[in-house]
Amino acid sequence: MTAQTPGWTPEQEFVAGYALAVANIMHTHGDDTIAEDVLNEGGITLAQVKSLGLTEFDMKVLRKLFREIARKSKLKAIYAARRNRAALAAAGVK
């Protein structure tokens, strides 16, 4: 990526730089925990990243990270629902 990619908006430039930095964490360190945290906190989406036309080398690790973030988010929701049901049952609410 150059300093300014022709046709990209400043937002696309940011998303590309951010996504490539996260991909670089994976390529150089293989640390998916930190890469997931950084990607999750960045507020970017897989759709935004896909629209940029990044190389398959980078997209492969980014797709994996986005899938893992989605999986963990679903698990958190399931566990939260179970805790809520258990709390309601303990309180005698049906």
PDB file of N, CA and C in Angstrom:
ATOM      1  N   MET A   1       0.842  -1.167   0.000  1.00  0.00           N
ATOM      2  CA  MET A   1       0.000   0.000   0.000  1.00  0.00           C
ATOM      3  C   MET A   1       0.892   1.236   0.000  1.00  0.00           C
ATOM      4  N   THR A   2       0.549   2.191  -0.823  1.00  0.00           N
ATOM      5  CA  THR A   2       1.291   3.440  -0.860  1.00  0.00           C
ATOM      6  C   THR A   2       0.720   4.398   0.174  1.00  0.00           C
ATOM      7  N   ALA A   3       1.360   5.541   0.307  1.00  0.00           N
ATOM      8  CA  ALA A   3       0.891   6.530   1.275  1.00  0.00           C
ATOM      9  C   ALA A   3      -0.537   6.950   0.958  1.00  0.00           C
ATOM     10  N   GLN A   4      -0.850   7.076  -0.322  1.00  0.00           N
ATOM     11  CA  GLN A   4      -2.221   7.350  -0.721  1.00  0.00           C
ATOM     12  C   GLN A   4      -2.554   6.482  -1.921  1.00  0.00           C
ATOM     13  N   THR A   5      -3.519   5.609  -1.747  1.00  0.00           N
ATOM     14  CA  THR A   5      -3.928   4.742  -2.834  1.00  0.00           C
ATOM     15  C   THR A   5      -4.976   5.479  -3.653  1.00  0.00           C
ATOM     16  N   PRO A   6      -4.757   5.649  -4.957  1.00  0.00           N
ATOM     17  CA  PRO A   6      -5.721   6.379  -5.777  1.00  0.00           C
ATOM     18  C   PRO A   6      -7.116   5.768  -5.687  1.00  0.00           C
ATOM     19  N   GLY A   7      -8.097   6.637  -5.484  1.00  0.00           N
ATOM     20  CA  GLY A   7      -9.484   6.184  -5.430  1.00  0.00           C
ATOM     21  C   GLY A   7      -9.958   5.763  -4.052  1.00  0.00           C
ATOM     22  N   TRP A   8      -9.067   5.661  -3.092  1.00  0.00           N
ATOM     23  CA  TRP A   8      -9.474   5.281  -1.734  1.00  0.00           C
ATOM     24  C   TRP A   8      -9.799   6.523  -0.928  1.00  0.00           C
ATOM     25  N   THR A   9     -10.826   6.407  -0.113  1.00  0.00           N
ATOM     26  CA  THR A   9     -11.179   7.483   0.799  1.00  0.00           C
ATOM     27  C   THR A   9     -10.237   7.428   2.002  1.00  0.00           C
ATOM     28  N   PRO A  10     -10.193   8.488   2.797  1.00  0.00           N
ATOM     29  CA  PRO A  10      -9.385   8.428   4.021  1.00  0.00           C
ATOM     30  C   PRO A  10      -9.816   7.274   4.938  1.00  0.00           C
ATOM     31  N   GLU A  11     -11.113   6.983   4.980  1.00  0.00           N
ATOM     32  CA  GLU A  11     -11.587   5.854   5.806  1.00  0.00           C
ATOM     33  C   GLU A  11     -11.032   4.534   5.278  1.00  0.00           C
ATOM     34  N   GLN A  12     -11.045   4.350   3.965  1.00  0.00           N
ATOM     35  CA  GLN A  12     -10.506   3.122   3.386  1.00  0.00           C
ATOM     36  C   GLN A  12      -9.004   3.014   3.646  1.00  0.00           C
ATOM     37  N   GLU A  13      -8.302   4.145   3.580  1.00  0.00           N
ATOM     38  CA  GLU A  13      -6.878   4.150   3.897  1.00  0.00           C
ATOM     39  C   GLU A  13      -6.645   3.679   5.327  1.00  0.00           C
ATOM     40  N   PHE A  14      -7.474   4.194   6.260  1.00  0.00           N
ATOM     41  CA  PHE A  14      -7.341   3.799   7.663  1.00  0.00           C
ATOM     42  C   PHE A  14      -7.623   2.310   7.829  1.00  0.00           C
ATOM     43  N   VAL A  15      -8.728   1.839   7.264  1.00  0.00           N
ATOM     44  CA  VAL A  15      -9.105   0.427   7.391  1.00  0.00           C
ATOM     45  C   VAL A  15      -8.005  -0.458   6.814  1.00  0.00           C
ATOM     46  N   ALA A  16      -7.480  -0.092   5.667  1.00  0.00           N
ATOM     47  CA  ALA A  16      -6.421  -0.894   5.043  1.00  0.00           C
ATOM     48  C   ALA A  16      -5.180  -0.931   5.929  1.00  0.00           C
ATOM     49  N   GLY A  17      -4.761   0.215   6.415  1.00  0.00           N
ATOM     50  CA  GLY A  17      -3.577   0.256   7.268  1.00  0.00           C
ATOM     51  C   GLY A  17      -3.775  -0.539   8.544  1.00  0.00           C
ATOM     52  N   TYR A  18      -4.948  -0.388   9.140  1.00  0.00           N
ATOM     53  CA  TYR A  18      -5.254  -1.094  10.386  1.00  0.00           C
ATOM     54  C   TYR A  18      -5.281  -2.602  10.152  1.00  0.00           C
ATOM     55  N   ALA A  19      -5.994  -3.009   9.091  1.00  0.00           N
ATOM     56  CA  ALA A  19      -6.109  -4.440   8.786  1.00  0.00           C
ATOM     57  C   ALA A  19      -4.746  -5.048   8.466  1.00  0.00           C
ATOM     58  N   LEU A  20      -3.943  -4.325   7.718  1.00  0.00           N
ATOM     59  CA  LEU A  20      -2.619  -4.846   7.375  1.00  0.00           C
ATOM     60  C   LEU A  20      -1.713  -4.919   8.602  1.00  0.00           C
ATOM     61  N   ALA A  21      -1.860  -3.989   9.523  1.00  0.00           N
ATOM     62  CA  ALA A  21      -1.082  -4.056  10.761  1.00  0.00           C
ATOM     63  C   ALA A  21      -1.467  -5.297  11.563  1.00  0.00           C
ATOM     64  N   VAL A  22      -2.770  -5.578  11.624  1.00  0.00           N
ATOM     65  CA  VAL A  22      -3.234  -6.776  12.336  1.00  0.00           C
ATOM     66  C   VAL A  22      -2.732  -8.035  11.630  1.00  0.00           C
ATOM     67  N   ALA A  23      -2.829  -8.056  10.317  1.00  0.00           N
ATOM     68  CA  ALA A  23      -2.321  -9.207   9.564  1.00  0.00           C
ATOM     69  C   ALA A  23      -0.830  -9.386   9.814  1.00  0.00           C
ATOM     70  N   ASN A  24      -0.116  -8.286   9.912  1.00  0.00           N
ATOM     71  CA  ASN A  24       1.324  -8.348  10.166  1.00  0.00           C
ATOM     72  C   ASN A  24       1.621  -8.943  11.542  1.00  0.00           C
ATOM     73  N   ILE A  25       0.797  -8.645  12.530  1.00  0.00           N
ATOM     74  CA  ILE A  25       0.960  -9.261  13.856  1.00  0.00           C
ATOM     75  C   ILE A  25       0.904 -10.781  13.715  1.00  0.00           C
ATOM     76  N   MET A  26      -0.057 -11.248  12.937  1.00  0.00           N
ATOM     77  CA  MET A  26      -0.189 -12.696  12.744  1.00  0.00           C
ATOM     78  C   MET A  26       0.976 -13.270  11.947  1.00  0.00           C
ATOM     79  N   HIS A  27       1.366 -12.593  10.872  1.00  0.00           N
ATOM     80  CA  HIS A  27       2.436 -13.110  10.024  1.00  0.00           C
ATOM     81  C   HIS A  27       3.784 -13.135  10.739  1.00  0.00           C
ATOM     82  N   THR A  28       4.052 -12.133  11.561  1.00  0.00           N
ATOM     83  CA  THR A  28       5.368 -12.055  12.189  1.00  0.00           C
ATOM     84  C   THR A  28       5.431 -12.713  13.559  1.00  0.00           C
ATOM     85  N   HIS A  29       4.321 -12.703  14.287  1.00  0.00           N
ATOM     86  CA  HIS A  29       4.342 -13.223  15.654  1.00  0.00           C
ATOM     87  C   HIS A  29       3.415 -14.417  15.875  1.00  0.00           C
ATOM     88  N   GLY A  30       2.439 -14.604  14.996  1.00  0.00           N
ATOM     89  CA  GLY A  30       1.508 -15.714  15.145  1.00  0.00           C
ATOM     90  C   GLY A  30       0.643 -15.605  16.390  1.00  0.00           C
ATOM     91  N   ASP A  31       0.491 -14.409  16.917  1.00  0.00           N
ATOM     92  CA  ASP A  31      -0.258 -14.213  18.168  1.00  0.00           C
ATOM     93  C   ASP A  31      -1.701 -13.849  17.857  1.00  0.00           C
ATOM     94  N   ASP A  32      -2.547 -14.870  17.765  1.00  0.00           N
ATOM     95  CA  ASP A  32      -3.935 -14.605  17.403  1.00  0.00           C
ATOM     96  C   ASP A  32      -4.718 -13.911  18.513  1.00  0.00           C
ATOM     97  N   THR A  33      -4.338 -14.090  19.760  1.00  0.00           N
ATOM     98  CA  THR A  33      -5.053 -13.443  20.858  1.00  0.00           C
ATOM     99  C   THR A  33      -4.905 -11.930  20.769  1.00  0.00           C
ATOM    100  N   ILE A  34      -3.688 -11.456  20.634  1.00  0.00           N
ATOM    101  CA  ILE A  34      -3.471 -10.016  20.523  1.00  0.00           C
ATOM    102  C   ILE A  34      -4.071  -9.497  19.218  1.00  0.00           C
ATOM    103  N   ALA A  35      -3.878 -10.208  18.125  1.00  0.00           N
ATOM    104  CA  ALA A  35      -4.416  -9.774  16.836  1.00  0.00           C
ATOM    105  C   ALA A  35      -5.936  -9.667  16.892  1.00  0.00           C
ATOM    106  N   GLU A  36      -6.600 -10.640  17.526  1.00  0.00           N
ATOM    107  CA  GLU A  36      -8.063 -10.573  17.674  1.00  0.00           C
ATOM    108  C   GLU A  36      -8.469  -9.362  18.486  1.00  0.00           C
ATOM    109  N   ASP A  37      -7.778  -9.120  19.594  1.00  0.00           N
ATOM    110  CA  ASP A  37      -8.104  -7.972  20.444  1.00  0.00           C
ATOM    111  C   ASP A  37      -7.946  -6.663  19.682  1.00  0.00           C
ATOM    112  N   VAL A  38      -6.844  -6.518  18.968  1.00  0.00           N
ATOM    113  CA  VAL A  38      -6.600  -5.292  18.218  1.00  0.00           C
ATOM    114  C   VAL A  38      -7.653  -5.127  17.128  1.00  0.00           C
ATOM    115  N   LEU A  39      -7.958  -6.190  16.409  1.00  0.00           N
ATOM    116  CA  LEU A  39      -8.956  -6.129  15.342  1.00  0.00           C
ATOM    117  C   LEU A  39     -10.330  -5.818  15.911  1.00  0.00           C
ATOM    118  N   ASN A  40     -10.685  -6.453  16.998  1.00  0.00           N
ATOM    119  CA  ASN A  40     -11.985  -6.248  17.625  1.00  0.00           C
ATOM    120  C   ASN A  40     -12.143  -4.812  18.111  1.00  0.00           C
ATOM    121  N   GLU A  41     -11.088  -4.243  18.667  1.00  0.00           N
ATOM    122  CA  GLU A  41     -11.151  -2.880  19.198  1.00  0.00           C
ATOM    123  C   GLU A  41     -11.133  -1.821  18.102  1.00  0.00           C
ATOM    124  N   GLY A  42     -10.698  -2.191  16.910  1.00  0.00           N
ATOM    125  CA  GLY A  42     -10.584  -1.225  15.825  1.00  0.00           C
ATOM    126  C   GLY A  42     -11.902  -0.787  15.238  1.00  0.00           C
ATOM    127  N   GLY A  43     -12.942  -1.568  15.474  1.00  0.00           N
ATOM    128  CA  GLY A  43     -14.255  -1.200  14.966  1.00  0.00           C
ATOM    129  C   GLY A  43     -14.410  -1.339  13.461  1.00  0.00           C
ATOM    130  N   ILE A  44     -13.568  -2.143  12.844  1.00  0.00           N
ATOM    131  CA  ILE A  44     -13.709  -2.362  11.406  1.00  0.00           C
ATOM    132  C   ILE A  44     -14.388  -3.708  11.174  1.00  0.00           C
ATOM    133  N   THR A  45     -14.998  -3.846  10.024  1.00  0.00           N
ATOM    134  CA  THR A  45     -15.745  -5.062   9.715  1.00  0.00           C
ATOM    135  C   THR A  45     -15.063  -5.842   8.597  1.00  0.00           C
ATOM    136  N   LEU A  46     -15.435  -7.096   8.507  1.00  0.00           N
ATOM    137  CA  LEU A  46     -14.908  -7.933   7.431  1.00  0.00           C
ATOM    138  C   LEU A  46     -15.356  -7.384   6.077  1.00  0.00           C
ATOM    139  N   ALA A  47     -16.577  -6.876   6.000  1.00  0.00           N
ATOM    140  CA  ALA A  47     -17.063  -6.309   4.734  1.00  0.00           C
ATOM    141  C   ALA A  47     -16.195  -5.134   4.292  1.00  0.00           C
ATOM    142  N   GLN A  48     -15.816  -4.285   5.239  1.00  0.00           N
ATOM    143  CA  GLN A  48     -14.938  -3.161   4.901  1.00  0.00           C
ATOM    144  C   GLN A  48     -13.599  -3.670   4.370  1.00  0.00           C
ATOM    145  N   VAL A  49     -13.049  -4.670   5.041  1.00  0.00           N
ATOM    146  CA  VAL A  49     -11.750  -5.201   4.648  1.00  0.00           C
ATOM    147  C   VAL A  49     -11.846  -5.886   3.284  1.00  0.00           C
ATOM    148  N   LYS A  50     -12.911  -6.657   3.069  1.00  0.00           N
ATOM    149  CA  LYS A  50     -13.076  -7.349   1.787  1.00  0.00           C
ATOM    150  C   LYS A  50     -13.144  -6.374   0.619  1.00  0.00           C
ATOM    151  N   SER A  51     -13.743  -5.210   0.857  1.00  0.00           N
ATOM    152  CA  SER A  51     -13.923  -4.240  -0.231  1.00  0.00           C
ATOM    153  C   SER A  51     -12.622  -3.619  -0.707  1.00  0.00           C
ATOM    154  N   LEU A  52     -11.548  -3.826   0.028  1.00  0.00           N
ATOM    155  CA  LEU A  52     -10.280  -3.176  -0.292  1.00  0.00           C
ATOM    156  C   LEU A  52      -9.443  -3.927  -1.324  1.00  0.00           C
ATOM    157  N   GLY A  53      -9.740  -5.197  -1.520  1.00  0.00           N
ATOM    158  CA  GLY A  53      -8.974  -5.982  -2.485  1.00  0.00           C
ATOM    159  C   GLY A  53      -7.566  -6.310  -2.018  1.00  0.00           C
ATOM    160  N   LEU A  54      -7.412  -6.582  -0.730  1.00  0.00           N
ATOM    161  CA  LEU A  54      -6.102  -6.956  -0.197  1.00  0.00           C
ATOM    162  C   LEU A  54      -5.696  -8.323  -0.732  1.00  0.00           C
ATOM    163  N   THR A  55      -4.441  -8.650  -0.607  1.00  0.00           N
ATOM    164  CA  THR A  55      -3.937  -9.923  -1.121  1.00  0.00           C
ATOM    165  C   THR A  55      -4.506 -11.093  -0.319  1.00  0.00           C
ATOM    166  N   GLU A  56      -4.557 -12.240  -0.946  1.00  0.00           N
ATOM    167  CA  GLU A  56      -5.043 -13.451  -0.278  1.00  0.00           C
ATOM    168  C   GLU A  56      -4.155 -13.803   0.915  1.00  0.00           C
ATOM    169  N   PHE A  57      -2.888 -13.493   0.822  1.00  0.00           N
ATOM    170  CA  PHE A  57      -1.944 -13.743   1.921  1.00  0.00           C
ATOM    171  C   PHE A  57      -2.437 -13.071   3.202  1.00  0.00           C
ATOM    172  N   ASP A  58      -2.877 -11.827   3.102  1.00  0.00           N
ATOM    173  CA  ASP A  58      -3.386 -11.104   4.268  1.00  0.00           C
ATOM    174  C   ASP A  58      -4.828 -11.470   4.580  1.00  0.00           C
ATOM    175  N   MET A  59      -5.653 -11.627   3.557  1.00  0.00           N
ATOM    176  CA  MET A  59      -7.075 -11.928   3.779  1.00  0.00           C
ATOM    177  C   MET A  59      -7.266 -13.267   4.487  1.00  0.00           C
ATOM    178  N   LYS A  60      -6.399 -14.222   4.219  1.00  0.00           N
ATOM    179  CA  LYS A  60      -6.527 -15.538   4.851  1.00  0.00           C
ATOM    180  C   LYS A  60      -6.493 -15.415   6.375  1.00  0.00           C
ATOM    181  N   VAL A  61      -5.525 -14.677   6.910  1.00  0.00           N
ATOM    182  CA  VAL A  61      -5.449 -14.547   8.372  1.00  0.00           C
ATOM    183  C   VAL A  61      -6.539 -13.630   8.899  1.00  0.00           C
ATOM    184  N   LEU A  62      -6.908 -12.607   8.136  1.00  0.00           N
ATOM    185  CA  LEU A  62      -7.959 -11.692   8.602  1.00  0.00           C
ATOM    186  C   LEU A  62      -9.312 -12.390   8.671  1.00  0.00           C
ATOM    187  N   ARG A  63      -9.644 -13.199   7.664  1.00  0.00           N
ATOM    188  CA  ARG A  63     -10.917 -13.951   7.711  1.00  0.00           C
ATOM    189  C   ARG A  63     -10.945 -14.876   8.921  1.00  0.00           C
ATOM    190  N   LYS A  64      -9.832 -15.542   9.185  1.00  0.00           N
ATOM    191  CA  LYS A  64      -9.752 -16.440  10.337  1.00  0.00           C
ATOM    192  C   LYS A  64     -10.000 -15.667  11.633  1.00  0.00           C
ATOM    193  N   LEU A  65      -9.393 -14.499  11.761  1.00  0.00           N
ATOM    194  CA  LEU A  65      -9.572 -13.694  12.967  1.00  0.00           C
ATOM    195  C   LEU A  65     -11.015 -13.211  13.114  1.00  0.00           C
ATOM    196  N   PHE A  66     -11.615 -12.741  12.033  1.00  0.00           N
ATOM    197  CA  PHE A  66     -13.009 -12.302  12.096  1.00  0.00           C
ATOM    198  C   PHE A  66     -13.946 -13.454  12.466  1.00  0.00           C
ATOM    199  N   ARG A  67     -13.684 -14.649  11.931  1.00  0.00           N
ATOM    200  CA  ARG A  67     -14.505 -15.824  12.287  1.00  0.00           C
ATOM    201  C   ARG A  67     -14.389 -16.125  13.775  1.00  0.00           C
ATOM    202  N   GLU A  68     -13.186 -16.061  14.302  1.00  0.00           N
ATOM    203  CA  GLU A  68     -12.965 -16.358  15.712  1.00  0.00           C
ATOM    204  C   GLU A  68     -13.623 -15.303  16.606  1.00  0.00           C
ATOM    205  N   ILE A  69     -13.552 -14.054  16.210  1.00  0.00           N
ATOM    206  CA  ILE A  69     -14.224 -12.995  16.968  1.00  0.00           C
ATOM    207  C   ILE A  69     -15.727 -13.243  16.987  1.00  0.00           C
ATOM    208  N   ALA A  70     -16.305 -13.594  15.850  1.00  0.00           N
ATOM    209  CA  ALA A  70     -17.746 -13.868  15.775  1.00  0.00           C
ATOM    210  C   ALA A  70     -18.115 -15.067  16.637  1.00  0.00           C
ATOM    211  N   ARG A  71     -17.284 -16.114  16.593  1.00  0.00           N
ATOM    212  CA  ARG A  71     -17.554 -17.309  17.400  1.00  0.00           C
ATOM    213  C   ARG A  71     -17.549 -16.971  18.886  1.00  0.00           C
ATOM    214  N   LYS A  72     -16.554 -16.209  19.318  1.00  0.00           N
ATOM    215  CA  LYS A  72     -16.462 -15.848  20.734  1.00  0.00           C
ATOM    216  C   LYS A  72     -17.604 -14.939  21.152  1.00  0.00           C
ATOM    217  N   SER A  73     -18.033 -14.074  20.263  1.00  0.00           N
ATOM    218  CA  SER A  73     -19.152 -13.180  20.563  1.00  0.00           C
ATOM    219  C   SER A  73     -20.439 -13.989  20.765  1.00  0.00           C
ATOM    220  N   LYS A  74     -20.649 -14.976  19.925  1.00  0.00           N
ATOM    221  CA  LYS A  74     -21.832 -15.836  20.071  1.00  0.00           C
ATOM    222  C   LYS A  74     -21.778 -16.611  21.382  1.00  0.00           C
ATOM    223  N   LEU A  75     -20.608 -17.131  21.719  1.00  0.00           N
ATOM    224  CA  LEU A  75     -20.467 -17.865  22.979  1.00  0.00           C
ATOM    225  C   LEU A  75     -20.745 -16.969  24.181  1.00  0.00           C
ATOM    226  N   LYS A  76     -20.259 -15.725  24.139  1.00  0.00           N
ATOM    227  CA  LYS A  76     -20.527 -14.790  25.228  1.00  0.00           C
ATOM    228  C   LYS A  76     -22.017 -14.558  25.388  1.00  0.00           C
ATOM    229  N   ALA A  77     -22.722 -14.423  24.273  1.00  0.00           N
ATOM    230  CA  ALA A  77     -24.170 -14.211  24.320  1.00  0.00           C
ATOM    231  C   ALA A  77     -24.883 -15.425  24.899  1.00  0.00           C
ATOM    232  N   ILE A  78     -24.448 -16.612  24.524  1.00  0.00           N
ATOM    233  CA  ILE A  78     -25.056 -17.841  25.046  1.00  0.00           C
ATOM    234  C   ILE A  78     -24.837 -17.945  26.548  1.00  0.00           C
ATOM    235  N   TYR A  79     -23.599 -17.703  26.985  1.00  0.00           N
ATOM    236  CA  TYR A  79     -23.307 -17.782  28.420  1.00  0.00           C
ATOM    237  C   TYR A  79     -24.054 -16.721  29.206  1.00  0.00           C
ATOM    238  N   ALA A  80     -24.192 -15.534  28.642  1.00  0.00           N
ATOM    239  CA  ALA A  80     -24.939 -14.465  29.322  1.00  0.00           C
ATOM    240  C   ALA A  80     -26.405 -14.858  29.464  1.00  0.00           C
ATOM    241  N   ALA A  81     -26.980 -15.451  28.435  1.00  0.00           N
ATOM    242  CA  ALA A  81     -28.382 -15.879  28.499  1.00  0.00           C
ATOM    243  C   ALA A  81     -28.561 -16.970  29.556  1.00  0.00           C
ATOM    244  N   ARG A  82     -27.611 -17.881  29.619  1.00  0.00           N
ATOM    245  CA  ARG A  82     -27.680 -18.941  30.630  1.00  0.00           C
ATOM    246  C   ARG A  82     -27.578 -18.369  32.038  1.00  0.00           C
ATOM    247  N   ARG A  83     -26.677 -17.410  32.229  1.00  0.00           N
ATOM    248  CA  ARG A  83     -26.546 -16.775  33.552  1.00  0.00           C
ATOM    249  C   ARG A  83     -27.828 -16.054  33.932  1.00  0.00           C
ATOM    250  N   ASN A  84     -28.437 -15.375  32.972  1.00  0.00           N
ATOM    251  CA  ASN A  84     -29.677 -14.665  33.244  1.00  0.00           C
ATOM    252  C   ASN A  84     -30.790 -15.634  33.618  1.00  0.00           C
ATOM    253  N   ARG A  85     -30.891 -16.741  32.897  1.00  0.00           N
ATOM    254  CA  ARG A  85     -31.918 -17.746  33.224  1.00  0.00           C
ATOM    255  C   ARG A  85     -31.669 -18.325  34.609  1.00  0.00           C
ATOM    256  N   ALA A  86     -30.407 -18.603  34.921  1.00  0.00           N
ATOM    257  CA  ALA A  86     -30.082 -19.152  36.239  1.00  0.00           C
ATOM    258  C   ALA A  86     -30.409 -18.149  37.337  1.00  0.00           C
ATOM    259  N   ALA A  87     -30.121 -16.879  37.108  1.00  0.00           N
ATOM    260  CA  ALA A  87     -30.417 -15.849  38.103  1.00  0.00           C
ATOM    261  C   ALA A  87     -31.919 -15.718  38.301  1.00  0.00           C
ATOM    262  N   LEU A  88     -32.663 -15.767  37.228  1.00  0.00           N
ATOM    263  CA  LEU A  88     -34.136 -15.682  37.324  1.00  0.00           C
ATOM    264  C   LEU A  88     -34.692 -16.892  38.068  1.00  0.00           C
ATOM    265  N   ALA A  89     -34.158 -18.066  37.755  1.00  0.00           N
ATOM    266  CA  ALA A  89     -34.624 -19.277  38.435  1.00  0.00           C
ATOM    267  C   ALA A  89     -34.303 -19.222  39.918  1.00  0.00           C
ATOM    268  N   ALA A  90     -33.121 -18.723  40.251  1.00  0.00           N
ATOM    269  CA  ALA A  90     -32.746 -18.608  41.679  1.00  0.00           C
ATOM    270  C   ALA A  90     -33.636 -17.627  42.408  1.00  0.00           C
ATOM    271  N   ALA A  91     -34.119 -16.633  41.675  1.00  0.00           N
ATOM    272  CA  ALA A  91     -34.999 -15.641  42.280  1.00  0.00           C
ATOM    273  C   ALA A  91     -36.456 -16.102  42.275  1.00  0.00           C
ATOM    274  N   GLY A  92     -36.708 -17.268  41.725  1.00  0.00           N
ATOM    275  CA  GLY A  92     -38.061 -17.816  41.712  1.00  0.00           C
ATOM    276  C   GLY A  92     -38.927 -17.294  40.588  1.00  0.00           C
ATOM    277  N   VAL A  93     -38.319 -16.648  39.602  1.00  0.00           N
ATOM    278  CA  VAL A  93     -39.053 -16.110  38.466  1.00  0.00           C
ATOM    279  C   VAL A  93     -39.089 -17.173  37.372  1.00  0.00           C
ATOM    280  N   LYS A  94     -40.281 -17.349  36.832  1.00  0.00           N
ATOM    281  CA  LYS A  94     -40.426 -18.355  35.759  1.00  0.00           C
ATOM    282  C   LYS A  94     -40.495 -17.692  34.412  1.00  0.00           C
TER     283      LYS A  94
END
